[in-house]
Amino acid sequence: MATVMDGVLADLAPSDPLAQLQMVWPTLAGQRYGAISRPTRPRKDGTIVITCDSGMAAADLQMREPELTALIEEHLSLRCALRFEGPRRG
């Protein structure tokens, strides 16, 4: 039964890399950062933008980029760069 369910769940998983990352981001980023940041858009160069609730969170996550990109590759088989941004003003 588990094999059938695994197949069904795999079929339902989004094929878009951004959507895939959005689904697992809270787990990969951890409870603290998963609650205050989210993958929001891809850039033309393949970088995925992570929007954070504060500039401090963006700076903290930027220091963790090597760890986070390794986790993304491990869990999603997706190689990408990340760009962390604080909230937009204006």
PDB file of N, CA and C in Angstrom:
ATOM      1  N   MET A   1       0.815  -1.186   0.000  1.00  0.00           N
ATOM      2  CA  MET A   1       0.000   0.000   0.000  1.00  0.00           C
ATOM      3  C   MET A   1       0.867   1.261   0.000  1.00  0.00           C
ATOM      4  N   ALA A   2       1.963   1.239   0.771  1.00  0.00           N
ATOM      5  CA  ALA A   2       2.839   2.405   0.846  1.00  0.00           C
ATOM      6  C   ALA A   2       3.414   2.730  -0.529  1.00  0.00           C
ATOM      7  N   THR A   3       3.751   1.714  -1.312  1.00  0.00           N
ATOM      8  CA  THR A   3       4.318   1.953  -2.642  1.00  0.00           C
ATOM      9  C   THR A   3       3.291   2.634  -3.542  1.00  0.00           C
ATOM     10  N   VAL A   4       2.056   2.213  -3.475  1.00  0.00           N
ATOM     11  CA  VAL A   4       0.996   2.835  -4.266  1.00  0.00           C
ATOM     12  C   VAL A   4       0.827   4.294  -3.849  1.00  0.00           C
ATOM     13  N   MET A   5       0.779   4.544  -2.547  1.00  0.00           N
ATOM     14  CA  MET A   5       0.623   5.917  -2.046  1.00  0.00           C
ATOM     15  C   MET A   5       1.815   6.778  -2.432  1.00  0.00           C
ATOM     16  N   ASP A   6       3.025   6.226  -2.353  1.00  0.00           N
ATOM     17  CA  ASP A   6       4.211   6.981  -2.750  1.00  0.00           C
ATOM     18  C   ASP A   6       4.105   7.404  -4.205  1.00  0.00           C
ATOM     19  N   GLY A   7       3.625   6.503  -5.047  1.00  0.00           N
ATOM     20  CA  GLY A   7       3.457   6.820  -6.462  1.00  0.00           C
ATOM     21  C   GLY A   7       2.413   7.890  -6.693  1.00  0.00           C
ATOM     22  N   VAL A   8       1.314   7.799  -5.978  1.00  0.00           N
ATOM     23  CA  VAL A   8       0.247   8.799  -6.104  1.00  0.00           C
ATOM     24  C   VAL A   8       0.752  10.156  -5.639  1.00  0.00           C
ATOM     25  N   LEU A   9       1.433  10.183  -4.497  1.00  0.00           N
ATOM     26  CA  LEU A   9       1.965  11.444  -3.987  1.00  0.00           C
ATOM     27  C   LEU A   9       3.001  12.040  -4.928  1.00  0.00           C
ATOM     28  N   ALA A  10       3.832  11.198  -5.517  1.00  0.00           N
ATOM     29  CA  ALA A  10       4.828  11.691  -6.478  1.00  0.00           C
ATOM     30  C   ALA A  10       4.137  12.296  -7.690  1.00  0.00           C
ATOM     31  N   ASP A  11       3.039  11.679  -8.138  1.00  0.00           N
ATOM     32  CA  ASP A  11       2.293  12.214  -9.280  1.00  0.00           C
ATOM     33  C   ASP A  11       1.646  13.556  -8.958  1.00  0.00           C
ATOM     34  N   LEU A  12       1.276  13.770  -7.703  1.00  0.00           N
ATOM     35  CA  LEU A  12       0.616  15.011  -7.303  1.00  0.00           C
ATOM     36  C   LEU A  12       1.598  16.141  -7.000  1.00  0.00           C
ATOM     37  N   ALA A  13       2.861  15.808  -6.805  1.00  0.00           N
ATOM     38  CA  ALA A  13       3.861  16.827  -6.483  1.00  0.00           C
ATOM     39  C   ALA A  13       4.027  17.782  -7.663  1.00  0.00           C
ATOM     40  N   PRO A  14       4.206  19.063  -7.379  1.00  0.00           N
ATOM     41  CA  PRO A  14       4.366  20.031  -8.472  1.00  0.00           C
ATOM     42  C   PRO A  14       5.662  19.788  -9.237  1.00  0.00           C
ATOM     43  N   SER A  15       5.642  20.069 -10.530  1.00  0.00           N
ATOM     44  CA  SER A  15       6.848  19.887 -11.343  1.00  0.00           C
ATOM     45  C   SER A  15       7.663  21.167 -11.418  1.00  0.00           C
ATOM     46  N   ASP A  16       7.070  22.286 -11.060  1.00  0.00           N
ATOM     47  CA  ASP A  16       7.753  23.569 -11.070  1.00  0.00           C
ATOM     48  C   ASP A  16       8.750  23.636  -9.908  1.00  0.00           C
ATOM     49  N   PRO A  17      10.035  23.933 -10.178  1.00  0.00           N
ATOM     50  CA  PRO A  17      11.027  23.973  -9.096  1.00  0.00           C
ATOM     51  C   PRO A  17      10.669  24.958  -7.977  1.00  0.00           C
ATOM     52  N   LEU A  18      10.123  26.111  -8.315  1.00  0.00           N
ATOM     53  CA  LEU A  18       9.752  27.070  -7.282  1.00  0.00           C
ATOM     54  C   LEU A  18       8.657  26.485  -6.388  1.00  0.00           C
ATOM     55  N   ALA A  19       7.649  25.879  -6.978  1.00  0.00           N
ATOM     56  CA  ALA A  19       6.559  25.282  -6.197  1.00  0.00           C
ATOM     57  C   ALA A  19       7.077  24.139  -5.330  1.00  0.00           C
ATOM     58  N   GLN A  20       7.994  23.348  -5.868  1.00  0.00           N
ATOM     59  CA  GLN A  20       8.584  22.268  -5.079  1.00  0.00           C
ATOM     60  C   GLN A  20       9.308  22.830  -3.859  1.00  0.00           C
ATOM     61  N   LEU A  21      10.097  23.879  -4.081  1.00  0.00           N
ATOM     62  CA  LEU A  21      10.840  24.472  -2.980  1.00  0.00           C
ATOM     63  C   LEU A  21       9.896  25.109  -1.965  1.00  0.00           C
ATOM     64  N   GLN A  22       8.842  25.745  -2.431  1.00  0.00           N
ATOM     65  CA  GLN A  22       7.873  26.357  -1.517  1.00  0.00           C
ATOM     66  C   GLN A  22       7.261  25.311  -0.583  1.00  0.00           C
ATOM     67  N   MET A  23       7.045  24.116  -1.092  1.00  0.00           N
ATOM     68  CA  MET A  23       6.439  23.060  -0.277  1.00  0.00           C
ATOM     69  C   MET A  23       7.356  22.602   0.854  1.00  0.00           C
ATOM     70  N   VAL A  24       8.650  22.545   0.602  1.00  0.00           N
ATOM     71  CA  VAL A  24       9.574  21.994   1.605  1.00  0.00           C
ATOM     72  C   VAL A  24      10.382  23.062   2.340  1.00  0.00           C
ATOM     73  N   TRP A  25      10.245  24.332   1.933  1.00  0.00           N
ATOM     74  CA  TRP A  25      11.070  25.384   2.522  1.00  0.00           C
ATOM     75  C   TRP A  25      10.989  25.430   4.049  1.00  0.00           C
ATOM     76  N   PRO A  26       9.821  25.385   4.666  1.00  0.00           N
ATOM     77  CA  PRO A  26       9.780  25.455   6.134  1.00  0.00           C
ATOM     78  C   PRO A  26      10.609  24.354   6.806  1.00  0.00           C
ATOM     79  N   THR A  27      10.633  23.188   6.212  1.00  0.00           N
ATOM     80  CA  THR A  27      11.423  22.090   6.769  1.00  0.00           C
ATOM     81  C   THR A  27      12.915  22.330   6.554  1.00  0.00           C
ATOM     82  N   LEU A  28      13.295  22.744   5.352  1.00  0.00           N
ATOM     83  CA  LEU A  28      14.711  22.955   5.048  1.00  0.00           C
ATOM     84  C   LEU A  28      15.287  24.143   5.808  1.00  0.00           C
ATOM     85  N   ALA A  29      14.524  25.223   5.902  1.00  0.00           N
ATOM     86  CA  ALA A  29      15.025  26.433   6.558  1.00  0.00           C
ATOM     87  C   ALA A  29      14.980  26.317   8.076  1.00  0.00           C
ATOM     88  N   GLY A  30      14.167  25.419   8.579  1.00  0.00           N
ATOM     89  CA  GLY A  30      14.023  25.276  10.026  1.00  0.00           C
ATOM     90  C   GLY A  30      12.828  26.078  10.528  1.00  0.00           C
ATOM     91  N   GLN A  31      12.374  25.738  11.692  1.00  0.00           N
ATOM     92  CA  GLN A  31      11.161  26.333  12.245  1.00  0.00           C
ATOM     93  C   GLN A  31      11.254  27.854  12.327  1.00  0.00           C
ATOM     94  N   ARG A  32      12.366  28.360  12.839  1.00  0.00           N
ATOM     95  CA  ARG A  32      12.517  29.806  13.025  1.00  0.00           C
ATOM     96  C   ARG A  32      12.483  30.549  11.691  1.00  0.00           C
ATOM     97  N   TYR A  33      13.333  30.147  10.760  1.00  0.00           N
ATOM     98  CA  TYR A  33      13.426  30.862   9.490  1.00  0.00           C
ATOM     99  C   TYR A  33      12.335  30.463   8.503  1.00  0.00           C
ATOM    100  N   GLY A  34      11.825  29.262   8.627  1.00  0.00           N
ATOM    101  CA  GLY A  34      10.725  28.841   7.773  1.00  0.00           C
ATOM    102  C   GLY A  34       9.475  29.669   7.984  1.00  0.00           C
ATOM    103  N   ALA A  35       9.331  30.215   9.185  1.00  0.00           N
ATOM    104  CA  ALA A  35       8.154  31.023   9.509  1.00  0.00           C
ATOM    105  C   ALA A  35       8.280  32.473   9.031  1.00  0.00           C
ATOM    106  N   ILE A  36       9.509  32.935   8.769  1.00  0.00           N
ATOM    107  CA  ILE A  36       9.699  34.347   8.422  1.00  0.00           C
ATOM    108  C   ILE A  36      10.334  34.553   7.049  1.00  0.00           C
ATOM    109  N   SER A  37      10.375  33.503   6.254  1.00  0.00           N
ATOM    110  CA  SER A  37      10.922  33.626   4.900  1.00  0.00           C
ATOM    111  C   SER A  37      10.199  32.660   3.977  1.00  0.00           C
ATOM    112  N   ARG A  38      10.217  32.988   2.686  1.00  0.00           N
ATOM    113  CA  ARG A  38       9.544  32.108   1.725  1.00  0.00           C
ATOM    114  C   ARG A  38      10.131  32.324   0.331  1.00  0.00           C
ATOM    115  N   PRO A  39      10.263  31.236  -0.421  1.00  0.00           N
ATOM    116  CA  PRO A  39      10.683  31.364  -1.825  1.00  0.00           C
ATOM    117  C   PRO A  39       9.578  32.083  -2.598  1.00  0.00           C
ATOM    118  N   THR A  40       9.928  33.156  -3.312  1.00  0.00           N
ATOM    119  CA  THR A  40       8.885  33.956  -3.956  1.00  0.00           C
ATOM    120  C   THR A  40       8.954  34.002  -5.473  1.00  0.00           C
ATOM    121  N   ARG A  41      10.172  33.935  -6.032  1.00  0.00           N
ATOM    122  CA  ARG A  41      10.229  34.018  -7.494  1.00  0.00           C
ATOM    123  C   ARG A  41      11.584  33.545  -8.006  1.00  0.00           C
ATOM    124  N   PRO A  42      11.575  33.016  -9.226  1.00  0.00           N
ATOM    125  CA  PRO A  42      12.847  32.683  -9.865  1.00  0.00           C
ATOM    126  C   PRO A  42      13.341  33.892 -10.656  1.00  0.00           C
ATOM    127  N   ARG A  43      14.640  34.011 -10.776  1.00  0.00           N
ATOM    128  CA  ARG A  43      15.217  35.037 -11.640  1.00  0.00           C
ATOM    129  C   ARG A  43      15.603  34.387 -12.961  1.00  0.00           C
ATOM    130  N   LYS A  44      15.847  35.206 -13.958  1.00  0.00           N
ATOM    131  CA  LYS A  44      16.186  34.679 -15.284  1.00  0.00           C
ATOM    132  C   LYS A  44      17.434  33.816 -15.262  1.00  0.00           C
ATOM    133  N   ASP A  45      18.354  34.095 -14.345  1.00  0.00           N
ATOM    134  CA  ASP A  45      19.603  33.321 -14.276  1.00  0.00           C
ATOM    135  C   ASP A  45      19.454  32.014 -13.492  1.00  0.00           C
ATOM    136  N   GLY A  46      18.225  31.700 -13.037  1.00  0.00           N
ATOM    137  CA  GLY A  46      17.984  30.460 -12.308  1.00  0.00           C
ATOM    138  C   GLY A  46      18.066  30.598 -10.794  1.00  0.00           C
ATOM    139  N   THR A  47      18.474  31.758 -10.322  1.00  0.00           N
ATOM    140  CA  THR A  47      18.515  32.021  -8.883  1.00  0.00           C
ATOM    141  C   THR A  47      17.080  32.103  -8.353  1.00  0.00           C
ATOM    142  N   ILE A  48      16.864  31.546  -7.181  1.00  0.00           N
ATOM    143  CA  ILE A  48      15.551  31.641  -6.555  1.00  0.00           C
ATOM    144  C   ILE A  48      15.624  32.686  -5.458  1.00  0.00           C
ATOM    145  N   VAL A  49      14.703  33.634  -5.506  1.00  0.00           N
ATOM    146  CA  VAL A  49      14.645  34.712  -4.522  1.00  0.00           C
ATOM    147  C   VAL A  49      13.838  34.240  -3.317  1.00  0.00           C
ATOM    148  N   ILE A  50      14.427  34.431  -2.142  1.00  0.00           N
ATOM    149  CA  ILE A  50      13.768  34.118  -0.885  1.00  0.00           C
ATOM    150  C   ILE A  50      13.458  35.462  -0.214  1.00  0.00           C
ATOM    151  N   THR A  51      12.183  35.757  -0.019  1.00  0.00           N
ATOM    152  CA  THR A  51      11.784  37.001   0.617  1.00  0.00           C
ATOM    153  C   THR A  51      11.654  36.766   2.120  1.00  0.00           C
ATOM    154  N   CYS A  52      12.301  37.640   2.878  1.00  0.00           N
ATOM    155  CA  CYS A  52      12.331  37.511   4.336  1.00  0.00           C
ATOM    156  C   CYS A  52      11.572  38.671   4.980  1.00  0.00           C
ATOM    157  N   ASP A  53      11.070  38.445   6.167  1.00  0.00           N
ATOM    158  CA  ASP A  53      10.316  39.473   6.874  1.00  0.00           C
ATOM    159  C   ASP A  53      11.188  40.623   7.367  1.00  0.00           C
ATOM    160  N   SER A  54      12.511  40.421   7.415  1.00  0.00           N
ATOM    161  CA  SER A  54      13.413  41.480   7.870  1.00  0.00           C
ATOM    162  C   SER A  54      14.752  41.359   7.167  1.00  0.00           C
ATOM    163  N   GLY A  55      15.461  42.467   7.135  1.00  0.00           N
ATOM    164  CA  GLY A  55      16.810  42.452   6.579  1.00  0.00           C
ATOM    165  C   GLY A  55      17.749  41.587   7.401  1.00  0.00           C
ATOM    166  N   MET A  56      17.526  41.538   8.710  1.00  0.00           N
ATOM    167  CA  MET A  56      18.351  40.708   9.586  1.00  0.00           C
ATOM    168  C   MET A  56      18.185  39.227   9.252  1.00  0.00           C
ATOM    169  N   ALA A  57      16.951  38.810   9.012  1.00  0.00           N
ATOM    170  CA  ALA A  57      16.709  37.413   8.639  1.00  0.00           C
ATOM    171  C   ALA A  57      17.374  37.111   7.297  1.00  0.00           C
ATOM    172  N   ALA A  58      17.288  38.050   6.355  1.00  0.00           N
ATOM    173  CA  ALA A  58      17.926  37.856   5.051  1.00  0.00           C
ATOM    174  C   ALA A  58      19.430  37.697   5.214  1.00  0.00           C
ATOM    175  N   ALA A  59      20.044  38.511   6.057  1.00  0.00           N
ATOM    176  CA  ALA A  59      21.490  38.419   6.294  1.00  0.00           C
ATOM    177  C   ALA A  59      21.857  37.090   6.958  1.00  0.00           C
ATOM    178  N   ASP A  60      21.067  36.673   7.936  1.00  0.00           N
ATOM    179  CA  ASP A  60      21.323  35.397   8.607  1.00  0.00           C
ATOM    180  C   ASP A  60      21.232  34.225   7.624  1.00  0.00           C
ATOM    181  N   LEU A  61      20.185  34.235   6.804  1.00  0.00           N
ATOM    182  CA  LEU A  61      20.015  33.150   5.839  1.00  0.00           C
ATOM    183  C   LEU A  61      21.097  33.183   4.763  1.00  0.00           C
ATOM    184  N   GLN A  62      21.540  34.370   4.387  1.00  0.00           N
ATOM    185  CA  GLN A  62      22.609  34.472   3.382  1.00  0.00           C
ATOM    186  C   GLN A  62      23.859  33.744   3.868  1.00  0.00           C
ATOM    187  N   MET A  63      24.145  33.823   5.153  1.00  0.00           N
ATOM    188  CA  MET A  63      25.305  33.110   5.694  1.00  0.00           C
ATOM    189  C   MET A  63      25.106  31.595   5.654  1.00  0.00           C
ATOM    190  N   ARG A  64      23.853  31.148   5.608  1.00  0.00           N
ATOM    191  CA  ARG A  64      23.549  29.713   5.554  1.00  0.00           C
ATOM    192  C   ARG A  64      23.335  29.207   4.126  1.00  0.00           C
ATOM    193  N   GLU A  65      23.563  30.078   3.128  1.00  0.00           N
ATOM    194  CA  GLU A  65      23.276  29.674   1.746  1.00  0.00           C
ATOM    195  C   GLU A  65      23.950  28.358   1.346  1.00  0.00           C
ATOM    196  N   PRO A  66      25.246  28.135   1.626  1.00  0.00           N
ATOM    197  CA  PRO A  66      25.841  26.850   1.215  1.00  0.00           C
ATOM    198  C   PRO A  66      25.110  25.640   1.801  1.00  0.00           C
ATOM    199  N   GLU A  67      24.748  25.736   3.070  1.00  0.00           N
ATOM    200  CA  GLU A  67      24.015  24.646   3.719  1.00  0.00           C
ATOM    201  C   GLU A  67      22.635  24.457   3.079  1.00  0.00           C
ATOM    202  N   LEU A  68      21.939  25.564   2.829  1.00  0.00           N
ATOM    203  CA  LEU A  68      20.587  25.485   2.268  1.00  0.00           C
ATOM    204  C   LEU A  68      20.598  24.977   0.832  1.00  0.00           C
ATOM    205  N   THR A  69      21.544  25.419   0.023  1.00  0.00           N
ATOM    206  CA  THR A  69      21.592  24.924  -1.357  1.00  0.00           C
ATOM    207  C   THR A  69      21.936  23.439  -1.382  1.00  0.00           C
ATOM    208  N   ALA A  70      22.766  22.987  -0.457  1.00  0.00           N
ATOM    209  CA  ALA A  70      23.076  21.548  -0.372  1.00  0.00           C
ATOM    210  C   ALA A  70      21.829  20.757   0.012  1.00  0.00           C
ATOM    211  N   LEU A  71      21.041  21.270   0.959  1.00  0.00           N
ATOM    212  CA  LEU A  71      19.796  20.592   1.350  1.00  0.00           C
ATOM    213  C   LEU A  71      18.797  20.557   0.197  1.00  0.00           C
ATOM    214  N   ILE A  72      18.709  21.648  -0.546  1.00  0.00           N
ATOM    215  CA  ILE A  72      17.799  21.697  -1.696  1.00  0.00           C
ATOM    216  C   ILE A  72      18.212  20.664  -2.730  1.00  0.00           C
ATOM    217  N   GLU A  73      19.500  20.579  -2.994  1.00  0.00           N
ATOM    218  CA  GLU A  73      19.971  19.588  -3.980  1.00  0.00           C
ATOM    219  C   GLU A  73      19.714  18.164  -3.485  1.00  0.00           C
ATOM    220  N   GLU A  74      19.947  17.941  -2.203  1.00  0.00           N
ATOM    221  CA  GLU A  74      19.732  16.608  -1.630  1.00  0.00           C
ATOM    222  C   GLU A  74      18.264  16.199  -1.659  1.00  0.00           C
ATOM    223  N   HIS A  75      17.369  17.098  -1.278  1.00  0.00           N
ATOM    224  CA  HIS A  75      15.949  16.747  -1.148  1.00  0.00           C
ATOM    225  C   HIS A  75      15.161  16.877  -2.447  1.00  0.00           C
ATOM    226  N   LEU A  76      15.558  17.791  -3.316  1.00  0.00           N
ATOM    227  CA  LEU A  76      14.786  18.032  -4.539  1.00  0.00           C
ATOM    228  C   LEU A  76      15.556  17.732  -5.825  1.00  0.00           C
ATOM    229  N   SER A  77      16.822  17.366  -5.685  1.00  0.00           N
ATOM    230  CA  SER A  77      17.691  17.179  -6.858  1.00  0.00           C
ATOM    231  C   SER A  77      17.674  18.440  -7.726  1.00  0.00           C
ATOM    232  N   LEU A  78      17.700  19.586  -7.065  1.00  0.00           N
ATOM    233  CA  LEU A  78      17.638  20.874  -7.735  1.00  0.00           C
ATOM    234  C   LEU A  78      18.890  21.668  -7.375  1.00  0.00           C
ATOM    235  N   ARG A  79      19.639  22.042  -8.402  1.00  0.00           N
ATOM    236  CA  ARG A  79      20.810  22.889  -8.185  1.00  0.00           C
ATOM    237  C   ARG A  79      20.419  24.320  -8.520  1.00  0.00           C
ATOM    238  N   CYS A  80      20.578  25.192  -7.547  1.00  0.00           N
ATOM    239  CA  CYS A  80      20.213  26.586  -7.761  1.00  0.00           C
ATOM    240  C   CYS A  80      21.003  27.470  -6.806  1.00  0.00           C
ATOM    241  N   ALA A  81      21.038  28.729  -7.128  1.00  0.00           N
ATOM    242  CA  ALA A  81      21.570  29.726  -6.207  1.00  0.00           C
ATOM    243  C   ALA A  81      20.377  30.376  -5.514  1.00  0.00           C
ATOM    244  N   LEU A  82      20.629  30.944  -4.362  1.00  0.00           N
ATOM    245  CA  LEU A  82      19.581  31.616  -3.612  1.00  0.00           C
ATOM    246  C   LEU A  82      19.963  33.078  -3.413  1.00  0.00           C
ATOM    247  N   ARG A  83      18.985  33.953  -3.447  1.00  0.00           N
ATOM    248  CA  ARG A  83      19.168  35.362  -3.116  1.00  0.00           C
ATOM    249  C   ARG A  83      18.140  35.708  -2.045  1.00  0.00           C
ATOM    250  N   PHE A  84      18.621  36.262  -0.964  1.00  0.00           N
ATOM    251  CA  PHE A  84      17.753  36.583   0.170  1.00  0.00           C
ATOM    252  C   PHE A  84      17.509  38.073   0.209  1.00  0.00           C
ATOM    253  N   GLU A  85      16.239  38.442   0.308  1.00  0.00           N
ATOM    254  CA  GLU A  85      15.857  39.860   0.310  1.00  0.00           C
ATOM    255  C   GLU A  85      14.958  40.139   1.510  1.00  0.00           C
ATOM    256  N   GLY A  86      15.149  41.341   2.071  1.00  0.00           N
ATOM    257  CA  GLY A  86      14.251  41.810   3.119  1.00  0.00           C
ATOM    258  C   GLY A  86      12.974  42.348   2.481  1.00  0.00           C
ATOM    259  N   PRO A  87      12.089  42.858   3.290  1.00  0.00           N
ATOM    260  CA  PRO A  87      10.831  43.390   2.731  1.00  0.00           C
ATOM    261  C   PRO A  87      11.096  44.604   1.860  1.00  0.00           C
ATOM    262  N   ARG A  88      10.291  44.751   0.843  1.00  0.00           N
ATOM    263  CA  ARG A  88      10.415  45.901  -0.058  1.00  0.00           C
ATOM    264  C   ARG A  88       9.733  47.104   0.574  1.00  0.00           C
ATOM    265  N   ARG A  89      10.344  48.212   0.424  1.00  0.00           N
ATOM    266  CA  ARG A  89       9.804  49.455   0.979  1.00  0.00           C
ATOM    267  C   ARG A  89       9.198  50.278  -0.149  1.00  0.00           C
ATOM    268  N   GLY A  90       8.174  51.023   0.183  1.00  0.00           N
ATOM    269  CA  GLY A  90       7.659  51.965  -0.793  1.00  0.00           C
ATOM    270  C   GLY A  90       6.370  51.595  -1.326  1.00  0.00           C
TER     271      GLY A  90
END
